[in-house]
Structures are given as C-alpha cells and as structure tokens.
Amino acid sequence: MATTAMEAQYNIHLDTIVGNVESDPRGFYRFIKSRRNDAVGITSLTSDGKMLLTDLDKAHCLSNYFGSVFNVEKPSPVSLDASSSHPDMPDILVTNARCIEVVVVT
C-alpha cells in the first residue's frame, strides 16, 4: 500500500515539474533543459606548454593557428632581370581607328 502511495506522489511530482508529456511536450523539454549541465565558454587550451586561461589569450592562439592555415600567400614580385632569354615585347599602340575597326567587326 505504501509503495502505491509513493508511486502516486512521484507521478504527481513529475506532472508538476514536467507536465503531461503526451499533451504538451514543451514542459518536458523545459525540464530537460533546466537539468543540463553544459559548460559555457572556450575549453582549456595549451600553447608552448602553458595553459591559456583568458578568453583573449585563447582567441589569439586560435587566430594564430588558423591564420597560418587560411592566409593567402602573397606572390613574390617578378624580377625584371635584364639577362632574360626571352626577347623584349614591342610596345603596344592603341589608336581610335583600330578600336573602331575591332568593335565594328565583332
């Protein structure tokens, strides 16, 4: 008899906290959300053997790491070495007549 009374009280308690799951599941999800124990923030990081404690230090560490991976390398400038084996290209002369000729043909 005592077990039945305890079960009844337990069910009343669940209905109070969670609500009726079949008719309104939102109460159940609110209860689950309230019971979650998630940590907020960035997890522990180490860099060069040192533990990074502040969010700013962690942000700098991650920025340096991913910045080295995703940055585009700047191409090296072309050297204008006078000893090139290729001949010099002649100057290009653009005239109005030639531009009109090209436009009219196409």
C-alpha atoms as a PDB file:
ATOM      1  CA  MET A   1       0.000   0.000   0.000  1.00  0.00           C
ATOM      2  CA  ALA A   2       2.816   2.416   0.864  1.00  0.00           C
ATOM      3  CA  THR A   3       4.505   1.683  -2.449  1.00  0.00           C
ATOM      4  CA  THR A   4       1.379   2.612  -4.373  1.00  0.00           C
ATOM      5  CA  ALA A   5       1.061   5.875  -2.451  1.00  0.00           C
ATOM      6  CA  MET A   6       4.724   6.674  -3.140  1.00  0.00           C
ATOM      7  CA  GLU A   7       4.274   5.952  -6.835  1.00  0.00           C
ATOM      8  CA  ALA A   8       1.197   8.180  -6.910  1.00  0.00           C
ATOM      9  CA  GLN A   9       3.070  11.013  -5.197  1.00  0.00           C
ATOM     10  CA  TYR A  10       6.011  10.518  -7.584  1.00  0.00           C
ATOM     11  CA  ASN A  11       3.693  10.734 -10.598  1.00  0.00           C
ATOM     12  CA  ILE A  12       2.062  13.873  -9.195  1.00  0.00           C
ATOM     13  CA  HIS A  13       5.549  15.335  -8.670  1.00  0.00           C
ATOM     14  CA  LEU A  14       6.531  14.537 -12.263  1.00  0.00           C
ATOM     15  CA  ASP A  15       3.316  16.044 -13.598  1.00  0.00           C
ATOM     16  CA  THR A  16       4.028  19.198 -11.596  1.00  0.00           C
ATOM     17  CA  ILE A  17       7.609  19.553 -12.796  1.00  0.00           C
ATOM     18  CA  VAL A  18       7.425  18.136 -16.305  1.00  0.00           C
ATOM     19  CA  GLY A  19       3.758  18.366 -17.180  1.00  0.00           C
ATOM     20  CA  ASN A  20       1.841  15.954 -19.352  1.00  0.00           C
ATOM     21  CA  VAL A  21       4.336  14.825 -21.984  1.00  0.00           C
ATOM     22  CA  GLU A  22       1.704  13.448 -24.332  1.00  0.00           C
ATOM     23  CA  SER A  23      -0.490  16.548 -24.498  1.00  0.00           C
ATOM     24  CA  ASP A  24       2.222  19.226 -24.056  1.00  0.00           C
ATOM     25  CA  PRO A  25       5.837  18.075 -24.562  1.00  0.00           C
ATOM     26  CA  ARG A  26       7.204  21.612 -24.047  1.00  0.00           C
ATOM     27  CA  GLY A  27       7.180  21.151 -20.268  1.00  0.00           C
ATOM     28  CA  PHE A  28       9.299  18.041 -20.628  1.00  0.00           C
ATOM     29  CA  TYR A  29      11.858  19.846 -22.775  1.00  0.00           C
ATOM     30  CA  ARG A  30      11.966  22.780 -20.329  1.00  0.00           C
ATOM     31  CA  PHE A  31      12.664  20.302 -17.531  1.00  0.00           C
ATOM     32  CA  ILE A  32      15.465  18.604 -19.517  1.00  0.00           C
ATOM     33  CA  LYS A  33      16.967  21.973 -20.431  1.00  0.00           C
ATOM     34  CA  SER A  34      16.944  23.056 -16.779  1.00  0.00           C
ATOM     35  CA  ARG A  35      18.755  19.864 -15.752  1.00  0.00           C
ATOM     36  CA  ARG A  36      21.538  20.157 -18.336  1.00  0.00           C
ATOM     37  CA  ASN A  37      24.980  20.927 -17.021  1.00  0.00           C
ATOM     38  CA  ASP A  38      26.860  22.302 -20.027  1.00  0.00           C
ATOM     39  CA  ALA A  39      29.966  24.354 -19.572  1.00  0.00           C
ATOM     40  CA  VAL A  40      29.917  27.732 -21.256  1.00  0.00           C
ATOM     41  CA  GLY A  41      32.979  29.224 -22.883  1.00  0.00           C
ATOM     42  CA  ILE A  42      36.088  28.003 -24.609  1.00  0.00           C
ATOM     43  CA  THR A  43      37.640  24.807 -23.318  1.00  0.00           C
ATOM     44  CA  SER A  44      41.171  24.742 -21.891  1.00  0.00           C
ATOM     45  CA  LEU A  45      43.967  25.316 -24.379  1.00  0.00           C
ATOM     46  CA  THR A  46      47.709  24.976 -24.056  1.00  0.00           C
ATOM     47  CA  SER A  47      50.251  26.729 -26.195  1.00  0.00           C
ATOM     48  CA  ASP A  48      54.007  26.268 -25.887  1.00  0.00           C
ATOM     49  CA  GLY A  49      53.420  24.192 -22.759  1.00  0.00           C
ATOM     50  CA  LYS A  50      51.475  26.972 -20.995  1.00  0.00           C
ATOM     51  CA  MET A  51      47.798  26.779 -20.078  1.00  0.00           C
ATOM     52  CA  LEU A  52      45.843  29.660 -21.601  1.00  0.00           C
ATOM     53  CA  LEU A  53      43.333  30.956 -19.066  1.00  0.00           C
ATOM     54  CA  THR A  54      41.696  34.064 -20.501  1.00  0.00           C
ATOM     55  CA  ASP A  55      39.368  34.072 -23.470  1.00  0.00           C
ATOM     56  CA  LEU A  56      41.556  36.724 -25.115  1.00  0.00           C
ATOM     57  CA  ASP A  57      44.653  34.513 -24.902  1.00  0.00           C
ATOM     58  CA  LYS A  58      42.680  31.604 -26.328  1.00  0.00           C
ATOM     59  CA  ALA A  59      41.369  33.790 -29.154  1.00  0.00           C
ATOM     60  CA  HIS A  60      44.904  34.912 -30.051  1.00  0.00           C
ATOM     61  CA  CYS A  61      46.135  31.315 -30.002  1.00  0.00           C
ATOM     62  CA  LEU A  62      43.323  30.130 -32.292  1.00  0.00           C
ATOM     63  CA  SER A  63      43.764  33.146 -34.556  1.00  0.00           C
ATOM     64  CA  ASN A  64      47.471  32.445 -34.971  1.00  0.00           C
ATOM     65  CA  TYR A  65      46.834  28.774 -35.669  1.00  0.00           C
ATOM     66  CA  PHE A  66      44.063  29.210 -38.211  1.00  0.00           C
ATOM     67  CA  GLY A  67      45.565  32.370 -39.671  1.00  0.00           C
ATOM     68  CA  SER A  68      48.652  30.437 -40.707  1.00  0.00           C
ATOM     69  CA  VAL A  69      46.484  27.841 -42.416  1.00  0.00           C
ATOM     70  CA  PHE A  70      43.985  30.044 -44.215  1.00  0.00           C
ATOM     71  CA  ASN A  71      46.000  33.120 -45.197  1.00  0.00           C
ATOM     72  CA  VAL A  72      46.776  33.502 -48.867  1.00  0.00           C
ATOM     73  CA  GLU A  73      50.451  33.848 -49.560  1.00  0.00           C
ATOM     74  CA  LYS A  74      51.379  36.947 -51.492  1.00  0.00           C
ATOM     75  CA  PRO A  75      53.149  36.074 -54.729  1.00  0.00           C
ATOM     76  CA  SER A  76      56.745  37.137 -54.959  1.00  0.00           C
ATOM     77  CA  PRO A  77      57.344  40.055 -57.302  1.00  0.00           C
ATOM     78  CA  VAL A  78      58.531  39.214 -60.786  1.00  0.00           C
ATOM     79  CA  SER A  79      62.155  40.078 -61.223  1.00  0.00           C
ATOM     80  CA  LEU A  80      62.908  42.296 -64.183  1.00  0.00           C
ATOM     81  CA  ASP A  81      66.290  40.792 -64.803  1.00  0.00           C
ATOM     82  CA  ALA A  82      67.958  42.273 -67.881  1.00  0.00           C
ATOM     83  CA  SER A  83      69.555  38.935 -68.704  1.00  0.00           C
ATOM     84  CA  SER A  84      66.282  37.253 -69.708  1.00  0.00           C
ATOM     85  CA  SER A  85      66.457  34.706 -72.524  1.00  0.00           C
ATOM     86  CA  HIS A  86      63.154  35.965 -73.923  1.00  0.00           C
ATOM     87  CA  PRO A  87      63.080  38.867 -76.397  1.00  0.00           C
ATOM     88  CA  ASP A  88      61.508  42.142 -75.352  1.00  0.00           C
ATOM     89  CA  MET A  89      57.905  42.606 -76.361  1.00  0.00           C
ATOM     90  CA  PRO A  90      57.283  45.529 -78.694  1.00  0.00           C
ATOM     91  CA  ASP A  91      55.242  48.456 -77.405  1.00  0.00           C
ATOM     92  CA  ILE A  92      51.506  48.240 -77.936  1.00  0.00           C
ATOM     93  CA  LEU A  93      49.978  51.145 -79.813  1.00  0.00           C
ATOM     94  CA  VAL A  94      46.255  51.717 -79.300  1.00  0.00           C
ATOM     95  CA  THR A  95      44.551  54.023 -81.774  1.00  0.00           C
ATOM     96  CA  ASN A  96      40.955  55.163 -82.207  1.00  0.00           C
ATOM     97  CA  ALA A  97      40.833  53.775 -85.717  1.00  0.00           C
ATOM     98  CA  ARG A  98      41.937  50.288 -84.619  1.00  0.00           C
ATOM     99  CA  CYS A  99      39.452  50.286 -81.686  1.00  0.00           C
ATOM    100  CA  ILE A 100      36.577  51.237 -84.023  1.00  0.00           C
ATOM    101  CA  GLU A 101      37.694  48.574 -86.501  1.00  0.00           C
ATOM    102  CA  VAL A 102      37.689  45.885 -83.764  1.00  0.00           C
ATOM    103  CA  VAL A 103      34.293  46.983 -82.410  1.00  0.00           C
ATOM    104  CA  VAL A 104      32.635  47.118 -85.853  1.00  0.00           C
ATOM    105  CA  VAL A 105      33.963  43.654 -86.824  1.00  0.00           C
ATOM    106  CA  THR A 106      32.721  41.995 -83.650  1.00  0.00           C
END
